[in-house]
N, C-alpha and C. Protein backbone atom coordinates (compact mmCIF):
# COMPACT_ATOMS: atom_id res chain seq x y z
N UNK A 1 -9.76 -3.46 41.59
CA UNK A 1 -10.07 -4.82 41.16
C UNK A 1 -8.82 -5.42 40.52
N UNK A 2 -8.70 -6.73 40.66
CA UNK A 2 -7.61 -7.49 40.02
C UNK A 2 -8.25 -8.55 39.12
N UNK A 3 -7.43 -9.06 38.22
CA UNK A 3 -7.96 -10.05 37.27
C UNK A 3 -8.49 -11.29 37.96
N UNK A 4 -7.91 -11.67 39.09
CA UNK A 4 -8.40 -12.87 39.79
C UNK A 4 -9.71 -12.62 40.52
N UNK A 5 -10.23 -11.41 40.44
CA UNK A 5 -11.52 -11.09 41.04
C UNK A 5 -12.65 -11.05 40.00
N UNK A 6 -12.32 -11.26 38.75
CA UNK A 6 -13.35 -11.27 37.71
C UNK A 6 -14.26 -12.48 37.90
N UNK A 7 -15.53 -12.28 37.65
CA UNK A 7 -16.48 -13.39 37.76
C UNK A 7 -16.40 -14.26 36.51
N UNK A 8 -16.97 -15.44 36.61
CA UNK A 8 -17.03 -16.33 35.45
C UNK A 8 -17.73 -15.68 34.27
N UNK A 9 -18.81 -14.97 34.54
CA UNK A 9 -19.54 -14.29 33.46
C UNK A 9 -18.69 -13.20 32.81
N UNK A 10 -17.95 -12.46 33.63
CA UNK A 10 -17.08 -11.42 33.09
C UNK A 10 -15.96 -12.03 32.23
N UNK A 11 -15.39 -13.13 32.70
CA UNK A 11 -14.34 -13.80 31.94
C UNK A 11 -14.87 -14.32 30.61
N UNK A 12 -16.05 -14.91 30.63
CA UNK A 12 -16.65 -15.42 29.39
C UNK A 12 -16.93 -14.28 28.42
N UNK A 13 -17.41 -13.15 28.93
CA UNK A 13 -17.69 -11.99 28.08
C UNK A 13 -16.39 -11.46 27.45
N UNK A 14 -15.34 -11.41 28.23
CA UNK A 14 -14.05 -10.96 27.69
C UNK A 14 -13.54 -11.91 26.62
N UNK A 15 -13.61 -13.21 26.89
CA UNK A 15 -13.15 -14.19 25.90
C UNK A 15 -13.95 -14.08 24.62
N UNK A 16 -15.25 -13.84 24.74
CA UNK A 16 -16.10 -13.71 23.55
C UNK A 16 -15.72 -12.50 22.71
N UNK A 17 -15.19 -11.45 23.33
CA UNK A 17 -14.76 -10.26 22.60
C UNK A 17 -13.37 -10.46 21.99
N UNK A 18 -12.50 -11.17 22.70
CA UNK A 18 -11.11 -11.32 22.25
C UNK A 18 -11.00 -12.32 21.10
N UNK A 19 -11.78 -13.41 21.14
CA UNK A 19 -11.68 -14.45 20.10
C UNK A 19 -11.81 -13.91 18.68
N UNK A 20 -12.83 -13.08 18.37
CA UNK A 20 -12.93 -12.59 17.00
C UNK A 20 -11.76 -11.67 16.61
N UNK A 21 -11.25 -10.92 17.58
CA UNK A 21 -10.09 -10.08 17.28
C UNK A 21 -8.87 -10.93 16.95
N UNK A 22 -8.71 -12.02 17.69
CA UNK A 22 -7.60 -12.93 17.43
C UNK A 22 -7.76 -13.58 16.06
N UNK A 23 -8.96 -14.05 15.74
CA UNK A 23 -9.20 -14.64 14.42
C UNK A 23 -8.89 -13.64 13.31
N UNK A 24 -9.30 -12.39 13.50
CA UNK A 24 -9.04 -11.37 12.50
C UNK A 24 -7.53 -11.15 12.33
N UNK A 25 -6.82 -11.01 13.44
CA UNK A 25 -5.37 -10.77 13.37
C UNK A 25 -4.65 -11.92 12.69
N UNK A 26 -5.02 -13.15 13.03
CA UNK A 26 -4.38 -14.31 12.40
C UNK A 26 -4.75 -14.42 10.92
N UNK A 27 -6.00 -14.09 10.60
CA UNK A 27 -6.40 -14.09 9.20
C UNK A 27 -5.66 -13.04 8.39
N UNK A 28 -5.51 -11.86 8.98
CA UNK A 28 -4.76 -10.80 8.31
C UNK A 28 -3.31 -11.21 8.11
N UNK A 29 -2.75 -11.84 9.12
CA UNK A 29 -1.38 -12.34 9.00
C UNK A 29 -1.27 -13.33 7.84
N UNK A 30 -2.21 -14.22 7.73
CA UNK A 30 -2.21 -15.19 6.63
C UNK A 30 -2.34 -14.53 5.27
N UNK A 31 -3.21 -13.51 5.20
CA UNK A 31 -3.36 -12.80 3.92
C UNK A 31 -2.09 -12.06 3.55
N UNK A 32 -1.41 -11.49 4.53
CA UNK A 32 -0.15 -10.79 4.26
C UNK A 32 0.91 -11.77 3.77
N UNK A 33 0.94 -12.94 4.36
CA UNK A 33 1.89 -13.96 3.91
C UNK A 33 1.57 -14.41 2.49
N UNK A 34 0.27 -14.59 2.21
CA UNK A 34 -0.14 -15.00 0.86
C UNK A 34 0.20 -13.93 -0.18
N UNK A 35 0.13 -12.68 0.23
CA UNK A 35 0.44 -11.57 -0.68
C UNK A 35 1.94 -11.25 -0.70
N UNK A 36 2.72 -12.07 -0.02
CA UNK A 36 4.18 -11.95 -0.04
C UNK A 36 4.70 -10.64 0.57
N UNK A 37 4.05 -10.20 1.68
CA UNK A 37 4.62 -9.07 2.40
C UNK A 37 6.01 -9.49 2.87
N UNK A 38 7.00 -8.61 2.79
CA UNK A 38 8.33 -8.97 3.24
C UNK A 38 8.33 -9.28 4.74
N UNK A 39 9.16 -10.22 5.19
CA UNK A 39 9.21 -10.57 6.61
C UNK A 39 9.49 -9.39 7.52
N UNK A 40 10.22 -8.38 7.04
CA UNK A 40 10.59 -7.24 7.87
C UNK A 40 9.60 -6.07 7.76
N UNK A 41 8.50 -6.24 7.01
CA UNK A 41 7.50 -5.18 6.85
C UNK A 41 6.93 -4.79 8.21
N UNK A 42 6.91 -3.50 8.49
CA UNK A 42 6.51 -3.04 9.83
C UNK A 42 5.05 -3.38 10.16
N UNK A 43 4.17 -3.29 9.18
CA UNK A 43 2.76 -3.61 9.45
C UNK A 43 2.60 -5.12 9.67
N UNK A 44 3.30 -5.91 8.89
CA UNK A 44 3.26 -7.37 9.08
C UNK A 44 3.77 -7.74 10.47
N UNK A 45 4.87 -7.13 10.89
CA UNK A 45 5.42 -7.42 12.22
C UNK A 45 4.47 -6.98 13.33
N UNK A 46 3.82 -5.83 13.14
CA UNK A 46 2.86 -5.35 14.14
C UNK A 46 1.63 -6.27 14.20
N UNK A 47 1.22 -6.78 13.05
CA UNK A 47 0.08 -7.71 12.99
C UNK A 47 0.41 -8.99 13.74
N UNK A 48 1.61 -9.51 13.54
CA UNK A 48 2.04 -10.71 14.25
C UNK A 48 2.08 -10.45 15.75
N UNK A 49 2.64 -9.30 16.14
CA UNK A 49 2.73 -8.96 17.56
C UNK A 49 1.34 -8.82 18.19
N UNK A 50 0.42 -8.21 17.44
CA UNK A 50 -0.96 -8.05 17.95
C UNK A 50 -1.61 -9.42 18.13
N UNK A 51 -1.44 -10.30 17.16
CA UNK A 51 -1.99 -11.64 17.28
C UNK A 51 -1.40 -12.40 18.46
N UNK A 52 -0.10 -12.27 18.64
CA UNK A 52 0.55 -12.93 19.77
C UNK A 52 0.03 -12.39 21.10
N UNK A 53 -0.14 -11.07 21.19
CA UNK A 53 -0.65 -10.46 22.42
C UNK A 53 -2.09 -10.90 22.70
N UNK A 54 -2.91 -10.95 21.66
CA UNK A 54 -4.29 -11.41 21.84
C UNK A 54 -4.33 -12.87 22.27
N UNK A 55 -3.43 -13.70 21.70
CA UNK A 55 -3.36 -15.10 22.10
C UNK A 55 -2.96 -15.21 23.57
N UNK A 56 -1.98 -14.41 23.99
CA UNK A 56 -1.57 -14.40 25.39
C UNK A 56 -2.72 -13.99 26.30
N UNK A 57 -3.46 -12.97 25.89
CA UNK A 57 -4.60 -12.51 26.68
C UNK A 57 -5.66 -13.60 26.79
N UNK A 58 -5.98 -14.23 25.68
CA UNK A 58 -6.99 -15.30 25.69
C UNK A 58 -6.54 -16.45 26.57
N UNK A 59 -5.27 -16.77 26.54
CA UNK A 59 -4.73 -17.84 27.38
C UNK A 59 -4.87 -17.48 28.86
N UNK A 60 -4.52 -16.27 29.22
CA UNK A 60 -4.66 -15.84 30.62
C UNK A 60 -6.12 -15.86 31.06
N UNK A 61 -7.02 -15.40 30.20
CA UNK A 61 -8.44 -15.43 30.54
C UNK A 61 -8.92 -16.87 30.73
N UNK A 62 -8.42 -17.77 29.89
CA UNK A 62 -8.78 -19.18 30.04
C UNK A 62 -8.31 -19.71 31.39
N UNK A 63 -7.05 -19.46 31.72
CA UNK A 63 -6.51 -19.95 32.99
C UNK A 63 -7.32 -19.42 34.17
N UNK A 64 -7.77 -18.18 34.08
CA UNK A 64 -8.57 -17.60 35.17
C UNK A 64 -9.96 -18.22 35.25
N UNK A 65 -10.44 -18.79 34.15
CA UNK A 65 -11.82 -19.27 34.11
C UNK A 65 -11.97 -20.74 34.49
N UNK A 66 -10.86 -21.43 34.73
CA UNK A 66 -10.93 -22.85 35.10
C UNK A 66 -10.34 -23.05 36.49
N UNK A 67 -10.68 -24.17 37.09
CA UNK A 67 -10.13 -24.49 38.40
C UNK A 67 -8.63 -24.72 38.30
N UNK A 68 -7.85 -24.21 39.27
CA UNK A 68 -6.40 -24.43 39.23
C UNK A 68 -6.05 -25.91 39.15
N UNK A 69 -5.12 -26.23 38.26
CA UNK A 69 -4.69 -27.59 38.10
C UNK A 69 -5.52 -28.42 37.14
N UNK A 70 -6.64 -27.86 36.64
CA UNK A 70 -7.52 -28.66 35.79
C UNK A 70 -7.24 -28.49 34.30
N UNK A 71 -6.78 -27.33 33.89
CA UNK A 71 -6.58 -27.11 32.46
C UNK A 71 -5.60 -25.97 32.22
N UNK A 72 -4.42 -26.14 32.67
CA UNK A 72 -3.44 -25.09 32.43
C UNK A 72 -2.49 -24.91 33.58
N UNK A 73 -2.55 -23.77 34.23
CA UNK A 73 -1.62 -23.46 35.30
C UNK A 73 -1.81 -24.42 36.48
N UNK A 74 -0.70 -24.86 37.04
CA UNK A 74 -0.82 -25.75 38.21
C UNK A 74 -1.41 -25.02 39.40
N UNK A 75 -1.99 -25.80 40.30
CA UNK A 75 -2.59 -25.19 41.50
C UNK A 75 -1.52 -24.73 42.47
């Protein structure tokens, strides 16, 4: 199977699972910033990377769930 073979229901289910993880990662990042974690802190950097990866995943799932050219990637 390839990602372009996922059904609309499968894509929606994946997005529903990824969104809370992304919110958690971004919230954790915000709490680390508020607590003055140093910019070079390894856990802070990993948290940012995880949030970025989840955002990329959610974006790809979105592009797969809409008609080409309608909301994102060109047809």
